[in-house]
Amino acid sequence: MKNEKAQTDENVAVNINLDTTPILYTDNIHMTTNEDGVVLDVMQRVGNPRQMRIVSRIGMSRPHAKKFVEKLGKLLALTEGNIQSAEKPKN
């Protein structure tokens, strides 16, 4: 357990190519689980309100999914009422 904590406290360099890694908009997520893990089908509506297109599929283990839910909950609570944007505020 000590190794895991030390590993999460280290700074990690994350690189992204903005030309090939767009932000995909979602207005619906379908979740499927079994004893091995979780699959999230991230979708967006197209045309007909009953028609969806999967824009991404994400799979993770059950322990990873539990950590994800915990961290996302903390992030949402921490940033409640704050707007996070890459744009500079207009004066």
C-alpha atoms as a PDB file:
ATOM      1  CA  MET A   1       0.000   0.000   0.000  1.00  0.00           C
ATOM      2  CA  LYS A   2       2.866   2.385   0.747  1.00  0.00           C
ATOM      3  CA  ASN A   3       4.254   1.853  -2.769  1.00  0.00           C
ATOM      4  CA  GLU A   4       0.883   2.746  -4.310  1.00  0.00           C
ATOM      5  CA  LYS A   5       0.660   6.012  -2.331  1.00  0.00           C
ATOM      6  CA  ALA A   6       4.223   7.006  -3.258  1.00  0.00           C
ATOM      7  CA  GLN A   7       3.454   6.293  -6.886  1.00  0.00           C
ATOM      8  CA  THR A   8       0.368   8.543  -6.945  1.00  0.00           C
ATOM      9  CA  ASP A   9       2.169  11.469  -5.265  1.00  0.00           C
ATOM     10  CA  GLU A  10       4.864  11.705  -7.946  1.00  0.00           C
ATOM     11  CA  ASN A  11       4.568  14.330 -10.688  1.00  0.00           C
ATOM     12  CA  VAL A  12       3.848  12.805 -14.064  1.00  0.00           C
ATOM     13  CA  ALA A  13       4.455  14.544 -17.394  1.00  0.00           C
ATOM     14  CA  VAL A  14       1.414  14.197 -19.669  1.00  0.00           C
ATOM     15  CA  ASN A  15       1.752  14.966 -23.366  1.00  0.00           C
ATOM     16  CA  ILE A  16      -1.149  15.500 -25.759  1.00  0.00           C
ATOM     17  CA  ASN A  17      -1.336  16.201 -29.471  1.00  0.00           C
ATOM     18  CA  LEU A  18      -4.276  18.609 -29.750  1.00  0.00           C
ATOM     19  CA  ASP A  19      -4.541  17.970 -33.501  1.00  0.00           C
ATOM     20  CA  THR A  20      -5.242  14.253 -33.052  1.00  0.00           C
ATOM     21  CA  THR A  21      -6.849  14.156 -29.586  1.00  0.00           C
ATOM     22  CA  PRO A  22     -10.037  16.223 -29.669  1.00  0.00           C
ATOM     23  CA  ILE A  23     -12.414  16.717 -26.758  1.00  0.00           C
ATOM     24  CA  LEU A  24     -15.453  14.613 -27.582  1.00  0.00           C
ATOM     25  CA  TYR A  25     -18.787  16.015 -26.413  1.00  0.00           C
ATOM     26  CA  THR A  26     -21.151  13.647 -24.623  1.00  0.00           C
ATOM     27  CA  ASP A  27     -24.739  13.936 -23.552  1.00  0.00           C
ATOM     28  CA  ASN A  28     -25.227  10.278 -22.643  1.00  0.00           C
ATOM     29  CA  ILE A  29     -23.175   7.456 -21.137  1.00  0.00           C
ATOM     30  CA  HIS A  30     -24.159   3.804 -21.137  1.00  0.00           C
ATOM     31  CA  MET A  31     -22.417   1.735 -18.435  1.00  0.00           C
ATOM     32  CA  THR A  32     -21.987  -2.038 -18.473  1.00  0.00           C
ATOM     33  CA  THR A  33     -20.415  -4.025 -15.647  1.00  0.00           C
ATOM     34  CA  ASN A  34     -19.465  -7.595 -14.858  1.00  0.00           C
ATOM     35  CA  GLU A  35     -17.233  -9.212 -12.228  1.00  0.00           C
ATOM     36  CA  ASP A  36     -14.102  -8.211 -14.176  1.00  0.00           C
ATOM     37  CA  GLY A  37     -14.753  -4.538 -14.836  1.00  0.00           C
ATOM     38  CA  VAL A  38     -16.727  -1.681 -16.307  1.00  0.00           C
ATOM     39  CA  VAL A  39     -17.218  -0.449 -19.872  1.00  0.00           C
ATOM     40  CA  LEU A  40     -18.406   3.119 -20.488  1.00  0.00           C
ATOM     41  CA  ASP A  41     -19.929   3.811 -23.908  1.00  0.00           C
ATOM     42  CA  VAL A  42     -19.690   7.596 -24.242  1.00  0.00           C
ATOM     43  CA  MET A  43     -22.334   8.804 -26.694  1.00  0.00           C
ATOM     44  CA  GLN A  44     -23.850  11.895 -28.288  1.00  0.00           C
ATOM     45  CA  ARG A  45     -27.256  12.437 -29.844  1.00  0.00           C
ATOM     46  CA  VAL A  46     -27.388  12.736 -33.634  1.00  0.00           C
ATOM     47  CA  GLY A  47     -30.467  14.001 -35.435  1.00  0.00           C
ATOM     48  CA  ASN A  48     -33.374  11.936 -34.130  1.00  0.00           C
ATOM     49  CA  PRO A  49     -33.642  12.214 -30.306  1.00  0.00           C
ATOM     50  CA  ARG A  50     -33.669   8.406 -30.116  1.00  0.00           C
ATOM     51  CA  GLN A  51     -30.468   8.005 -32.154  1.00  0.00           C
ATOM     52  CA  MET A  52     -27.043   7.944 -30.464  1.00  0.00           C
ATOM     53  CA  ARG A  53     -23.503   7.652 -31.775  1.00  0.00           C
ATOM     54  CA  ILE A  54     -20.730   6.167 -29.620  1.00  0.00           C
ATOM     55  CA  VAL A  55     -17.797   8.611 -29.684  1.00  0.00           C
ATOM     56  CA  SER A  56     -15.578   6.663 -27.281  1.00  0.00           C
ATOM     57  CA  ARG A  57     -15.474   3.407 -25.315  1.00  0.00           C
ATOM     58  CA  ILE A  58     -13.577   3.226 -22.039  1.00  0.00           C
ATOM     59  CA  GLY A  59     -12.911   0.044 -20.115  1.00  0.00           C
ATOM     60  CA  MET A  60     -11.449  -0.284 -16.632  1.00  0.00           C
ATOM     61  CA  SER A  61     -11.186  -2.722 -13.757  1.00  0.00           C
ATOM     62  CA  ARG A  62     -13.684  -2.554 -10.894  1.00  0.00           C
ATOM     63  CA  PRO A  63     -11.043  -1.183  -8.446  1.00  0.00           C
ATOM     64  CA  HIS A  64     -10.046   1.481 -10.995  1.00  0.00           C
ATOM     65  CA  ALA A  65     -13.726   2.398 -11.546  1.00  0.00           C
ATOM     66  CA  LYS A  66     -14.179   2.868  -7.777  1.00  0.00           C
ATOM     67  CA  LYS A  67     -11.147   5.187  -7.658  1.00  0.00           C
ATOM     68  CA  PHE A  68     -12.462   7.087 -10.693  1.00  0.00           C
ATOM     69  CA  VAL A  69     -15.853   7.683  -9.045  1.00  0.00           C
ATOM     70  CA  GLU A  70     -14.174   8.815  -5.799  1.00  0.00           C
ATOM     71  CA  LYS A  71     -11.793  11.234  -7.546  1.00  0.00           C
ATOM     72  CA  LEU A  72     -14.482  12.617  -9.867  1.00  0.00           C
ATOM     73  CA  GLY A  73     -16.787  13.225  -6.899  1.00  0.00           C
ATOM     74  CA  LYS A  74     -14.047  15.100  -5.037  1.00  0.00           C
ATOM     75  CA  LEU A  75     -13.188  17.174  -8.125  1.00  0.00           C
ATOM     76  CA  LEU A  76     -16.820  18.123  -8.725  1.00  0.00           C
ATOM     77  CA  ALA A  77     -17.312  19.069  -5.067  1.00  0.00           C
ATOM     78  CA  LEU A  78     -14.084  21.096  -5.044  1.00  0.00           C
ATOM     79  CA  THR A  79     -14.952  23.024  -8.202  1.00  0.00           C
ATOM     80  CA  GLU A  80     -18.681  23.524  -7.521  1.00  0.00           C
ATOM     81  CA  GLY A  81     -19.580  27.046  -8.632  1.00  0.00           C
ATOM     82  CA  ASN A  82     -16.223  27.616 -10.352  1.00  0.00           C
ATOM     83  CA  ILE A  83     -16.015  27.791 -14.137  1.00  0.00           C
ATOM     84  CA  GLN A  84     -12.949  26.071 -15.567  1.00  0.00           C
ATOM     85  CA  SER A  85     -12.078  27.193 -19.097  1.00  0.00           C
ATOM     86  CA  ALA A  86      -9.113  27.407 -21.404  1.00  0.00           C
ATOM     87  CA  GLU A  87     -10.332  30.806 -22.581  1.00  0.00           C
ATOM     88  CA  LYS A  88      -9.114  33.993 -20.960  1.00  0.00           C
ATOM     89  CA  PRO A  89     -11.813  36.087 -19.279  1.00  0.00           C
ATOM     90  CA  LYS A  90     -13.036  39.018 -21.374  1.00  0.00           C
ATOM     91  CA  ASN A  91     -12.576  42.446 -19.775  1.00  0.00           C
END
